[in-house]
Amino acid sequence: MTTDDRHDHADHADHDHDHGAHEHHEHSYQAAIDGYRSEKDAFFKTSAHSPIPAEERSAFEGLPYYPVDPDLVFEDLVLQPYVGDEPTSFQIPTSDGKLRPARRAGTFTFDLDGEPRRLTAYTFETGETRSLFVPFLDKTSGHETYGAGRYLDLEPDDDGTYAIDFNLAYHPSCVYAPQYSCPLTPAENRLATRIEAGERLGEGAAEH
């Protein structure tokens, strides 16, 4: 049975971006990310809903990650209307060869490595949610990270702005088991730089 990968496992908890003193901010942020990763690892190892195949969970020792990089957090971003050439409503391909109704909700722009970057945010036509789905590709994709991209799930802050935190970038469940149906990253969300943050593939993992 095909399982929808948007996203039934509880791996996208909110994180408090402390606006206090810089050192305290970095320490508390690191602790929050470490706690989030520990919770996700425990879920993957023990939950009946884990995407790790049941016969592999006893040997599971945790997901591999890049070191936490606070500089790869971009806050106070405003969702801009989508003005690209692609249709707003479209069918996004999935890893199991299907198509899923989706919508380009808008775009985010931010500066990284001295250049402006843009990512399109998507919503799906099923379900009532304010969450935005932001898959992306970068120069680690297909080598250190999954070739079809990594995901971010964004929720609006109280003032309506968003934060893109690449330390929360995660792999789709189809990395672990083929029965999951995972949206493939559209070409418009390819970043021409390395994003060394978030989940990565383990040493010796098969490249996709």
N, C-alpha and C. Protein backbone atom coordinates (compact mmCIF):
# COMPACT_ATOMS: atom_id res chain seq x y z
N MET A 1 0.85 -1.19 0.00
CA MET A 1 0.00 0.00 0.00
C MET A 1 0.89 1.24 0.00
N THR A 2 0.53 2.18 -0.77
CA THR A 2 1.32 3.40 -0.87
C THR A 2 0.99 4.32 0.28
N THR A 3 2.01 4.93 0.84
CA THR A 3 1.83 5.83 1.97
C THR A 3 2.21 7.23 1.55
N ASP A 4 1.36 8.18 1.88
CA ASP A 4 1.60 9.57 1.57
C ASP A 4 2.71 10.10 2.46
N ASP A 5 3.64 10.85 1.87
CA ASP A 5 4.80 11.30 2.62
C ASP A 5 4.70 12.77 3.02
N ARG A 6 3.51 13.30 3.23
CA ARG A 6 3.37 14.69 3.66
C ARG A 6 2.65 14.84 4.98
N HIS A 7 3.05 14.56 6.10
CA HIS A 7 4.14 13.75 6.54
C HIS A 7 3.68 13.19 7.85
N ASP A 8 3.45 11.88 7.91
CA ASP A 8 2.74 11.31 9.04
C ASP A 8 3.60 11.11 10.26
N HIS A 9 4.93 11.20 10.14
CA HIS A 9 5.72 11.02 11.34
C HIS A 9 6.06 12.37 11.96
N ALA A 10 6.11 12.36 13.29
CA ALA A 10 6.21 13.62 14.04
C ALA A 10 7.65 14.10 14.10
N ASP A 11 8.17 14.56 12.96
CA ASP A 11 9.57 14.96 12.93
C ASP A 11 9.75 16.42 12.60
N HIS A 12 8.71 17.21 12.74
CA HIS A 12 8.83 18.62 12.34
C HIS A 12 8.29 19.52 13.43
N ALA A 13 8.76 19.28 14.67
CA ALA A 13 8.31 20.10 15.79
C ALA A 13 8.80 21.53 15.61
N ASP A 14 8.02 22.46 16.15
CA ASP A 14 8.43 23.86 16.12
C ASP A 14 9.65 24.04 17.02
N HIS A 15 10.48 25.02 16.67
CA HIS A 15 11.65 25.31 17.47
C HIS A 15 11.67 26.79 17.81
N ASP A 16 12.01 27.06 19.06
CA ASP A 16 12.03 28.43 19.54
C ASP A 16 13.31 29.11 19.12
N HIS A 17 13.21 30.13 18.28
CA HIS A 17 14.37 30.91 17.88
C HIS A 17 14.52 32.05 18.88
N ASP A 18 15.33 31.81 19.91
CA ASP A 18 15.51 32.73 21.02
C ASP A 18 16.16 34.01 20.49
N HIS A 19 15.58 35.16 20.84
CA HIS A 19 16.11 36.44 20.38
C HIS A 19 16.87 37.14 21.50
N GLY A 20 17.39 36.41 22.47
CA GLY A 20 18.17 37.00 23.55
C GLY A 20 19.61 37.21 23.14
N ALA A 21 20.50 37.16 24.11
CA ALA A 21 21.93 37.36 23.84
C ALA A 21 22.41 36.33 22.83
N HIS A 22 23.41 36.72 22.04
CA HIS A 22 23.84 35.88 20.92
C HIS A 22 24.32 34.52 21.39
N GLU A 23 25.16 34.49 22.42
CA GLU A 23 25.69 33.21 22.88
C GLU A 23 24.56 32.32 23.42
N HIS A 24 23.66 32.93 24.18
CA HIS A 24 22.53 32.15 24.70
C HIS A 24 21.68 31.63 23.56
N HIS A 25 21.49 32.47 22.55
CA HIS A 25 20.71 32.06 21.38
C HIS A 25 21.35 30.83 20.74
N GLU A 26 22.65 30.87 20.50
CA GLU A 26 23.31 29.75 19.83
C GLU A 26 23.24 28.49 20.68
N HIS A 27 23.44 28.64 21.99
CA HIS A 27 23.40 27.47 22.87
C HIS A 27 22.01 26.87 22.91
N SER A 28 21.00 27.71 23.09
CA SER A 28 19.63 27.19 23.19
C SER A 28 19.16 26.63 21.86
N TYR A 29 19.59 27.25 20.77
CA TYR A 29 19.21 26.75 19.45
C TYR A 29 19.84 25.38 19.20
N GLN A 30 21.13 25.25 19.51
CA GLN A 30 21.80 23.96 19.35
C GLN A 30 21.10 22.90 20.19
N ALA A 31 20.74 23.24 21.42
CA ALA A 31 20.07 22.28 22.29
C ALA A 31 18.71 21.89 21.72
N ALA A 32 17.99 22.85 21.15
CA ALA A 32 16.69 22.55 20.57
C ALA A 32 16.82 21.60 19.39
N ILE A 33 17.79 21.85 18.53
CA ILE A 33 18.01 20.97 17.37
C ILE A 33 18.45 19.58 17.83
N ASP A 34 19.35 19.54 18.82
CA ASP A 34 19.80 18.24 19.33
C ASP A 34 18.62 17.44 19.90
N GLY A 35 17.74 18.13 20.63
CA GLY A 35 16.58 17.45 21.18
C GLY A 35 15.64 16.95 20.11
N TYR A 36 15.43 17.77 19.11
CA TYR A 36 14.58 17.39 17.97
C TYR A 36 15.13 16.15 17.28
N ARG A 37 16.44 16.12 17.06
CA ARG A 37 17.05 14.99 16.37
C ARG A 37 16.96 13.72 17.23
N SER A 38 17.15 13.86 18.52
CA SER A 38 17.04 12.69 19.40
C SER A 38 15.63 12.12 19.38
N GLU A 39 14.63 13.00 19.40
CA GLU A 39 13.24 12.55 19.35
C GLU A 39 12.93 11.85 18.03
N LYS A 40 13.45 12.39 16.95
CA LYS A 40 13.20 11.77 15.65
C LYS A 40 13.87 10.41 15.56
N ASP A 41 15.10 10.32 16.05
CA ASP A 41 15.79 9.03 16.04
C ASP A 41 15.02 8.00 16.85
N ALA A 42 14.51 8.40 18.02
CA ALA A 42 13.74 7.47 18.84
C ALA A 42 12.47 7.03 18.12
N PHE A 43 11.83 7.97 17.43
CA PHE A 43 10.63 7.63 16.66
C PHE A 43 10.96 6.63 15.56
N PHE A 44 12.03 6.89 14.83
CA PHE A 44 12.41 6.01 13.73
C PHE A 44 12.76 4.60 14.23
N LYS A 45 13.34 4.52 15.42
CA LYS A 45 13.78 3.23 15.93
C LYS A 45 12.64 2.41 16.54
N THR A 46 11.64 3.10 17.15
CA THR A 46 10.68 2.38 17.98
C THR A 46 9.23 2.45 17.51
N SER A 47 8.88 3.44 16.71
CA SER A 47 7.47 3.62 16.37
C SER A 47 6.99 2.62 15.31
N ALA A 48 5.75 2.19 15.46
CA ALA A 48 5.15 1.34 14.43
C ALA A 48 4.96 2.10 13.13
N HIS A 49 5.00 3.43 13.19
CA HIS A 49 4.83 4.27 11.99
C HIS A 49 6.17 4.72 11.41
N SER A 50 7.26 4.19 11.92
CA SER A 50 8.57 4.55 11.41
C SER A 50 8.71 4.14 9.95
N PRO A 51 9.36 4.99 9.12
CA PRO A 51 9.61 4.58 7.74
C PRO A 51 10.74 3.55 7.62
N ILE A 52 11.50 3.35 8.68
CA ILE A 52 12.54 2.33 8.66
C ILE A 52 11.86 0.96 8.65
N PRO A 53 12.19 0.07 7.70
CA PRO A 53 11.59 -1.26 7.70
C PRO A 53 11.76 -1.95 9.05
N ALA A 54 10.71 -2.65 9.48
CA ALA A 54 10.69 -3.24 10.82
C ALA A 54 11.91 -4.11 11.09
N GLU A 55 12.35 -4.85 10.08
CA GLU A 55 13.46 -5.76 10.29
C GLU A 55 14.80 -5.04 10.42
N GLU A 56 14.83 -3.73 10.11
CA GLU A 56 16.07 -2.97 10.20
C GLU A 56 16.13 -2.07 11.43
N ARG A 57 15.03 -1.97 12.18
CA ARG A 57 15.00 -0.99 13.28
C ARG A 57 15.93 -1.34 14.43
N SER A 58 16.13 -2.62 14.71
CA SER A 58 16.99 -2.98 15.84
C SER A 58 18.43 -2.53 15.61
N ALA A 59 18.84 -2.45 14.35
CA ALA A 59 20.21 -2.04 14.02
C ALA A 59 20.32 -0.53 13.77
N PHE A 60 19.19 0.17 13.78
CA PHE A 60 19.20 1.60 13.49
C PHE A 60 19.86 2.37 14.63
N GLU A 61 20.85 3.18 14.31
CA GLU A 61 21.61 3.91 15.32
C GLU A 61 21.43 5.41 15.22
N GLY A 62 20.54 5.86 14.40
CA GLY A 62 20.32 7.31 14.28
C GLY A 62 20.60 7.80 12.88
N LEU A 63 19.93 8.88 12.50
CA LEU A 63 20.11 9.47 11.19
C LEU A 63 21.40 10.29 11.13
N PRO A 64 22.06 10.32 9.98
CA PRO A 64 23.25 11.16 9.84
C PRO A 64 22.86 12.60 9.50
N TYR A 65 23.56 13.53 10.08
CA TYR A 65 23.28 14.95 9.88
C TYR A 65 24.57 15.72 9.61
N TYR A 66 24.41 16.87 8.97
CA TYR A 66 25.47 17.87 8.96
C TYR A 66 25.50 18.56 10.32
N PRO A 67 26.64 19.16 10.70
CA PRO A 67 26.67 19.95 11.93
C PRO A 67 25.66 21.11 11.84
N VAL A 68 25.13 21.47 12.99
CA VAL A 68 24.17 22.59 13.04
C VAL A 68 24.89 23.88 12.65
N ASP A 69 24.26 24.64 11.76
CA ASP A 69 24.82 25.91 11.29
C ASP A 69 23.78 27.00 11.47
N PRO A 70 23.91 27.82 12.54
CA PRO A 70 22.92 28.89 12.75
C PRO A 70 22.86 29.90 11.62
N ASP A 71 23.92 29.99 10.80
CA ASP A 71 23.92 30.94 9.69
C ASP A 71 23.01 30.49 8.55
N LEU A 72 22.52 29.26 8.60
CA LEU A 72 21.61 28.77 7.57
C LEU A 72 20.16 28.80 8.06
N VAL A 73 19.87 29.78 8.90
CA VAL A 73 18.50 30.08 9.33
C VAL A 73 18.16 31.46 8.80
N PHE A 74 17.07 31.56 8.06
CA PHE A 74 16.66 32.83 7.44
C PHE A 74 15.26 33.17 7.95
N GLU A 75 15.19 34.20 8.78
CA GLU A 75 13.95 34.54 9.46
C GLU A 75 13.30 35.77 8.83
N ASP A 76 12.05 35.99 9.24
CA ASP A 76 11.27 37.17 8.82
C ASP A 76 11.09 37.22 7.30
N LEU A 77 10.90 36.06 6.70
CA LEU A 77 10.69 36.01 5.26
C LEU A 77 9.21 36.18 4.94
N VAL A 78 8.94 36.93 3.90
CA VAL A 78 7.58 37.19 3.47
C VAL A 78 7.29 36.34 2.22
N LEU A 79 6.18 35.64 2.24
CA LEU A 79 5.77 34.86 1.07
C LEU A 79 5.28 35.81 -0.02
N GLN A 80 6.00 35.83 -1.13
CA GLN A 80 5.65 36.70 -2.25
C GLN A 80 4.78 35.93 -3.25
N PRO A 81 3.87 36.62 -3.94
CA PRO A 81 3.05 35.93 -4.94
C PRO A 81 3.92 35.28 -6.01
N TYR A 82 3.50 34.12 -6.47
CA TYR A 82 4.23 33.44 -7.53
C TYR A 82 4.01 34.16 -8.85
N VAL A 83 5.11 34.53 -9.52
CA VAL A 83 5.00 35.27 -10.79
C VAL A 83 5.83 34.59 -11.88
N GLY A 84 6.18 33.32 -11.68
CA GLY A 84 6.97 32.61 -12.67
C GLY A 84 6.16 32.17 -13.87
N ASP A 85 6.81 31.44 -14.76
CA ASP A 85 6.19 31.02 -16.01
C ASP A 85 5.39 29.72 -15.89
N GLU A 86 5.57 28.99 -14.80
CA GLU A 86 4.87 27.73 -14.64
C GLU A 86 3.44 27.98 -14.13
N PRO A 87 2.51 27.06 -14.40
CA PRO A 87 1.14 27.24 -13.92
C PRO A 87 1.07 27.19 -12.39
N THR A 88 0.15 27.96 -11.83
CA THR A 88 -0.01 27.96 -10.36
C THR A 88 -0.50 26.61 -9.88
N SER A 89 -1.50 26.06 -10.54
CA SER A 89 -1.99 24.73 -10.21
C SER A 89 -1.35 23.72 -11.17
N PHE A 90 -0.84 22.62 -10.62
CA PHE A 90 -0.15 21.65 -11.46
C PHE A 90 -0.17 20.30 -10.79
N GLN A 91 0.39 19.31 -11.46
CA GLN A 91 0.50 17.96 -10.93
C GLN A 91 1.98 17.70 -10.62
N ILE A 92 2.29 17.48 -9.34
CA ILE A 92 3.67 17.24 -8.96
C ILE A 92 3.96 15.74 -9.05
N PRO A 93 5.01 15.34 -9.75
CA PRO A 93 5.33 13.91 -9.83
C PRO A 93 5.79 13.37 -8.48
N THR A 94 5.58 12.07 -8.26
CA THR A 94 6.00 11.43 -7.02
C THR A 94 6.97 10.30 -7.32
N SER A 95 7.61 9.82 -6.28
CA SER A 95 8.66 8.81 -6.43
C SER A 95 8.15 7.49 -6.95
N ASP A 96 6.84 7.24 -6.82
CA ASP A 96 6.27 5.98 -7.31
C ASP A 96 5.56 6.14 -8.64
N GLY A 97 5.93 7.21 -9.37
CA GLY A 97 5.44 7.39 -10.74
C GLY A 97 4.04 7.94 -10.86
N LYS A 98 3.52 8.52 -9.78
CA LYS A 98 2.17 9.09 -9.82
C LYS A 98 2.25 10.60 -9.91
N LEU A 99 1.08 11.23 -9.97
CA LEU A 99 0.98 12.68 -9.98
C LEU A 99 0.05 13.11 -8.86
N ARG A 100 0.39 14.21 -8.22
CA ARG A 100 -0.41 14.69 -7.10
C ARG A 100 -0.79 16.15 -7.33
N PRO A 101 -2.07 16.51 -7.18
CA PRO A 101 -2.47 17.90 -7.38
C PRO A 101 -1.77 18.82 -6.37
N ALA A 102 -1.18 19.89 -6.88
CA ALA A 102 -0.45 20.81 -6.02
C ALA A 102 -0.63 22.24 -6.55
N ARG A 103 -0.19 23.18 -5.74
CA ARG A 103 -0.34 24.60 -6.09
C ARG A 103 0.93 25.35 -5.68
N ARG A 104 1.38 26.22 -6.53
CA ARG A 104 2.49 27.11 -6.18
C ARG A 104 1.92 28.25 -5.34
N ALA A 105 2.22 28.21 -4.05
CA ALA A 105 1.62 29.18 -3.12
C ALA A 105 2.33 30.53 -3.16
N GLY A 106 3.59 30.53 -3.57
CA GLY A 106 4.36 31.77 -3.60
C GLY A 106 5.84 31.45 -3.54
N THR A 107 6.65 32.49 -3.38
CA THR A 107 8.11 32.31 -3.36
C THR A 107 8.71 33.06 -2.19
N PHE A 108 9.85 32.54 -1.75
CA PHE A 108 10.67 33.20 -0.74
C PHE A 108 12.01 33.58 -1.37
N THR A 109 12.53 34.73 -1.03
CA THR A 109 13.85 35.13 -1.47
C THR A 109 14.70 35.45 -0.25
N PHE A 110 15.97 35.10 -0.33
CA PHE A 110 16.92 35.33 0.76
C PHE A 110 18.31 35.35 0.16
N ASP A 111 19.26 35.92 0.88
CA ASP A 111 20.65 36.00 0.42
C ASP A 111 21.45 34.89 1.05
N LEU A 112 22.21 34.17 0.22
CA LEU A 112 23.07 33.10 0.69
C LEU A 112 24.34 33.10 -0.15
N ASP A 113 25.48 33.07 0.51
CA ASP A 113 26.78 33.12 -0.18
C ASP A 113 26.90 34.36 -1.06
N GLY A 114 26.31 35.44 -0.58
CA GLY A 114 26.43 36.71 -1.28
C GLY A 114 25.55 36.86 -2.51
N GLU A 115 24.62 35.93 -2.71
CA GLU A 115 23.75 36.01 -3.87
C GLU A 115 22.30 35.82 -3.45
N PRO A 116 21.36 36.46 -4.17
CA PRO A 116 19.95 36.23 -3.86
C PRO A 116 19.53 34.84 -4.30
N ARG A 117 18.77 34.17 -3.47
CA ARG A 117 18.24 32.83 -3.78
C ARG A 117 16.73 32.87 -3.70
N ARG A 118 16.10 31.97 -4.44
CA ARG A 118 14.64 31.91 -4.45
C ARG A 118 14.19 30.46 -4.34
N LEU A 119 13.20 30.23 -3.51
CA LEU A 119 12.56 28.93 -3.41
C LEU A 119 11.06 29.11 -3.51
N THR A 120 10.42 28.22 -4.27
CA THR A 120 8.96 28.22 -4.38
C THR A 120 8.37 27.34 -3.29
N ALA A 121 7.29 27.82 -2.68
CA ALA A 121 6.57 27.06 -1.67
C ALA A 121 5.30 26.50 -2.30
N TYR A 122 4.93 25.30 -1.88
CA TYR A 122 3.79 24.60 -2.47
C TYR A 122 2.77 24.23 -1.40
N THR A 123 1.55 24.08 -1.82
CA THR A 123 0.51 23.46 -1.00
C THR A 123 -0.13 22.35 -1.83
N PHE A 124 -0.80 21.45 -1.13
CA PHE A 124 -1.50 20.37 -1.80
C PHE A 124 -2.99 20.61 -1.72
N GLU A 125 -3.70 20.17 -2.73
CA GLU A 125 -5.11 20.50 -2.84
C GLU A 125 -6.00 19.65 -1.95
N THR A 126 -5.40 18.74 -1.22
CA THR A 126 -6.15 17.95 -0.25
C THR A 126 -5.71 18.34 1.15
N GLY A 127 -6.67 18.59 2.01
CA GLY A 127 -6.35 18.91 3.39
C GLY A 127 -6.36 20.40 3.66
N GLU A 128 -6.81 20.77 4.84
CA GLU A 128 -6.86 22.15 5.27
C GLU A 128 -5.66 22.41 6.18
N THR A 129 -4.68 23.15 5.69
CA THR A 129 -3.51 23.44 6.49
C THR A 129 -2.86 24.71 5.98
N ARG A 130 -2.23 25.43 6.90
CA ARG A 130 -1.47 26.62 6.52
C ARG A 130 0.00 26.27 6.27
N SER A 131 0.36 25.03 6.46
CA SER A 131 1.74 24.61 6.27
C SER A 131 2.14 24.71 4.80
N LEU A 132 3.36 25.16 4.57
CA LEU A 132 3.91 25.24 3.23
C LEU A 132 4.97 24.17 3.06
N PHE A 133 4.98 23.56 1.90
CA PHE A 133 5.92 22.50 1.56
C PHE A 133 6.99 23.09 0.66
N VAL A 134 8.24 23.02 1.10
CA VAL A 134 9.35 23.60 0.35
C VAL A 134 10.43 22.53 0.14
N PRO A 135 10.32 21.75 -0.93
CA PRO A 135 11.40 20.83 -1.28
C PRO A 135 12.50 21.59 -2.00
N PHE A 136 13.72 21.09 -1.91
CA PHE A 136 14.81 21.79 -2.61
C PHE A 136 15.89 20.80 -3.00
N LEU A 137 16.60 21.17 -4.03
CA LEU A 137 17.82 20.50 -4.48
C LEU A 137 18.98 21.45 -4.30
N ASP A 138 20.16 20.91 -4.08
CA ASP A 138 21.36 21.74 -4.00
C ASP A 138 22.54 20.91 -4.49
N LYS A 139 23.72 21.44 -4.38
CA LYS A 139 24.88 20.75 -4.96
C LYS A 139 25.31 19.52 -4.17
N THR A 140 24.67 19.25 -3.03
CA THR A 140 24.93 17.98 -2.35
C THR A 140 23.99 16.89 -2.85
N SER A 141 22.93 17.25 -3.57
CA SER A 141 21.92 16.28 -3.98
C SER A 141 22.50 15.25 -4.93
N GLY A 142 22.21 13.99 -4.66
CA GLY A 142 22.72 12.91 -5.48
C GLY A 142 24.09 12.42 -5.07
N HIS A 143 24.68 13.07 -4.08
CA HIS A 143 26.00 12.68 -3.60
C HIS A 143 25.94 12.47 -2.08
N GLU A 144 25.85 13.57 -1.36
CA GLU A 144 25.79 13.50 0.10
C GLU A 144 24.35 13.45 0.61
N THR A 145 23.41 13.86 -0.24
CA THR A 145 22.00 13.86 0.13
C THR A 145 21.20 13.22 -1.01
N TYR A 146 19.96 12.92 -0.73
CA TYR A 146 19.09 12.21 -1.68
C TYR A 146 18.96 12.97 -2.99
N GLY A 147 19.07 12.26 -4.09
CA GLY A 147 19.09 12.89 -5.40
C GLY A 147 17.81 13.61 -5.80
N ALA A 148 16.67 13.22 -5.22
CA ALA A 148 15.40 13.87 -5.55
C ALA A 148 15.10 15.04 -4.62
N GLY A 149 16.03 15.35 -3.72
CA GLY A 149 15.88 16.54 -2.90
C GLY A 149 15.55 16.24 -1.44
N ARG A 150 15.60 17.32 -0.66
CA ARG A 150 15.20 17.27 0.74
C ARG A 150 14.02 18.21 0.94
N TYR A 151 13.37 18.10 2.09
CA TYR A 151 12.12 18.81 2.34
C TYR A 151 12.27 19.77 3.52
N LEU A 152 11.47 20.84 3.47
CA LEU A 152 11.20 21.72 4.60
C LEU A 152 9.70 21.91 4.71
N ASP A 153 9.19 21.94 5.92
CA ASP A 153 7.78 22.26 6.18
C ASP A 153 7.75 23.55 6.97
N LEU A 154 7.05 24.55 6.46
CA LEU A 154 7.06 25.88 7.08
C LEU A 154 5.68 26.23 7.62
N GLU A 155 5.68 26.76 8.83
CA GLU A 155 4.46 27.30 9.44
C GLU A 155 4.66 28.80 9.64
N PRO A 156 3.62 29.62 9.46
CA PRO A 156 3.80 31.06 9.65
C PRO A 156 4.01 31.41 11.11
N ASP A 157 4.85 32.41 11.35
CA ASP A 157 4.97 32.98 12.69
C ASP A 157 3.75 33.83 12.99
N ASP A 158 3.67 34.34 14.20
CA ASP A 158 2.49 35.11 14.61
C ASP A 158 2.28 36.35 13.75
N ASP A 159 3.37 36.92 13.23
CA ASP A 159 3.25 38.13 12.41
C ASP A 159 3.05 37.81 10.92
N GLY A 160 2.90 36.52 10.58
CA GLY A 160 2.66 36.15 9.20
C GLY A 160 3.91 35.90 8.39
N THR A 161 5.09 36.13 8.96
CA THR A 161 6.33 35.84 8.25
C THR A 161 6.73 34.38 8.48
N TYR A 162 7.74 33.96 7.77
CA TYR A 162 8.20 32.57 7.84
C TYR A 162 9.70 32.54 8.09
N ALA A 163 10.18 31.38 8.54
CA ALA A 163 11.61 31.14 8.69
C ALA A 163 11.98 29.89 7.89
N ILE A 164 13.02 30.01 7.08
CA ILE A 164 13.61 28.85 6.41
C ILE A 164 14.83 28.46 7.23
N ASP A 165 14.78 27.29 7.82
CA ASP A 165 15.86 26.77 8.65
C ASP A 165 16.37 25.49 8.00
N PHE A 166 17.51 25.60 7.32
CA PHE A 166 18.03 24.44 6.60
C PHE A 166 18.54 23.35 7.55
N ASN A 167 18.74 23.68 8.83
CA ASN A 167 19.09 22.65 9.80
C ASN A 167 17.95 21.66 10.02
N LEU A 168 16.75 22.02 9.60
CA LEU A 168 15.59 21.14 9.71
C LEU A 168 15.29 20.43 8.40
N ALA A 169 16.15 20.56 7.41
CA ALA A 169 15.93 19.87 6.13
C ALA A 169 15.97 18.36 6.35
N TYR A 170 14.98 17.67 5.80
CA TYR A 170 14.88 16.23 6.05
C TYR A 170 14.65 15.47 4.75
N HIS A 171 15.01 14.21 4.79
CA HIS A 171 14.81 13.33 3.64
C HIS A 171 13.40 12.78 3.62
N PRO A 172 12.83 12.60 2.42
CA PRO A 172 11.52 11.95 2.33
C PRO A 172 11.60 10.49 2.74
N SER A 173 10.46 9.95 3.13
CA SER A 173 10.43 8.58 3.65
C SER A 173 10.79 7.54 2.60
N CYS A 174 10.67 7.88 1.31
CA CYS A 174 11.01 6.90 0.28
C CYS A 174 12.51 6.62 0.24
N VAL A 175 13.31 7.41 0.94
CA VAL A 175 14.73 7.09 1.08
C VAL A 175 14.90 5.77 1.84
N TYR A 176 13.96 5.50 2.74
CA TYR A 176 14.09 4.33 3.62
C TYR A 176 13.29 3.13 3.15
N ALA A 177 12.19 3.37 2.46
CA ALA A 177 11.35 2.26 2.00
C ALA A 177 10.58 2.69 0.76
N PRO A 178 10.53 1.84 -0.28
CA PRO A 178 9.97 2.25 -1.57
C PRO A 178 8.45 2.39 -1.58
N GLN A 179 7.74 1.91 -0.56
CA GLN A 179 6.28 1.98 -0.61
C GLN A 179 5.76 3.40 -0.37
N TYR A 180 6.62 4.30 0.08
CA TYR A 180 6.18 5.68 0.31
C TYR A 180 6.10 6.44 -1.01
N SER A 181 5.13 7.32 -1.08
CA SER A 181 4.94 8.15 -2.27
C SER A 181 5.39 9.56 -1.94
N CYS A 182 6.54 9.95 -2.46
CA CYS A 182 7.18 11.21 -2.09
C CYS A 182 7.21 12.18 -3.27
N PRO A 183 6.73 13.40 -3.09
CA PRO A 183 6.83 14.38 -4.16
C PRO A 183 8.28 14.63 -4.56
N LEU A 184 8.51 14.71 -5.86
CA LEU A 184 9.84 15.02 -6.37
C LEU A 184 10.02 16.53 -6.45
N THR A 185 11.22 16.99 -6.22
CA THR A 185 11.48 18.43 -6.18
C THR A 185 11.45 19.02 -7.58
N PRO A 186 10.59 20.02 -7.84
CA PRO A 186 10.61 20.68 -9.14
C PRO A 186 11.95 21.37 -9.41
N ALA A 187 12.30 21.45 -10.69
CA ALA A 187 13.60 22.00 -11.08
C ALA A 187 13.77 23.45 -10.64
N GLU A 188 12.67 24.19 -10.48
CA GLU A 188 12.75 25.60 -10.09
C GLU A 188 13.32 25.77 -8.68
N ASN A 189 13.34 24.69 -7.89
CA ASN A 189 13.86 24.78 -6.53
C ASN A 189 15.26 24.18 -6.39
N ARG A 190 16.02 24.29 -7.45
CA ARG A 190 17.43 23.88 -7.39
C ARG A 190 18.28 25.08 -7.00
N LEU A 191 19.02 24.95 -5.91
CA LEU A 191 19.92 26.00 -5.45
C LEU A 191 21.33 25.72 -5.95
N ALA A 192 21.94 26.71 -6.56
CA ALA A 192 23.27 26.53 -7.15
C ALA A 192 24.36 26.74 -6.11
N THR A 193 24.21 26.05 -4.98
CA THR A 193 25.18 26.12 -3.91
C THR A 193 25.03 24.87 -3.06
N ARG A 194 25.96 24.63 -2.16
CA ARG A 194 25.87 23.50 -1.24
C ARG A 194 25.12 23.93 0.02
N ILE A 195 24.16 23.12 0.43
CA ILE A 195 23.46 23.35 1.70
C ILE A 195 23.94 22.27 2.66
N GLU A 196 24.97 22.59 3.42
CA GLU A 196 25.55 21.63 4.35
C GLU A 196 24.88 21.79 5.70
N ALA A 197 23.62 21.41 5.74
CA ALA A 197 22.81 21.49 6.96
C ALA A 197 21.68 20.49 6.84
N GLY A 198 21.17 20.05 7.99
CA GLY A 198 20.07 19.10 7.97
C GLY A 198 20.54 17.68 7.75
N GLU A 199 19.61 16.84 7.31
CA GLU A 199 19.91 15.43 7.12
C GLU A 199 20.80 15.20 5.89
N ARG A 200 21.63 14.18 6.00
CA ARG A 200 22.47 13.78 4.89
C ARG A 200 22.41 12.26 4.79
N LEU A 201 23.00 11.71 3.75
CA LEU A 201 23.09 10.26 3.63
C LEU A 201 24.25 9.75 4.45
N GLY A 202 24.15 8.52 4.91
CA GLY A 202 25.22 7.92 5.68
C GLY A 202 26.42 7.58 4.81
N GLU A 203 27.54 7.39 5.44
CA GLU A 203 28.74 7.00 4.71
C GLU A 203 28.49 5.66 4.01
N GLY A 204 28.82 5.62 2.73
CA GLY A 204 28.63 4.39 1.97
C GLY A 204 27.21 4.14 1.51
N ALA A 205 26.31 5.13 1.77
CA ALA A 205 24.92 4.96 1.32
C ALA A 205 24.87 5.04 -0.19
N ALA A 206 23.91 4.33 -0.76
CA ALA A 206 23.75 4.37 -2.22
C ALA A 206 23.34 5.76 -2.65
N GLU A 207 23.97 6.26 -3.70
CA GLU A 207 23.60 7.56 -4.23
C GLU A 207 22.38 7.41 -5.12
N HIS A 208 21.51 8.45 -5.10
CA HIS A 208 20.27 8.41 -5.86
C HIS A 208 20.30 9.51 -6.90
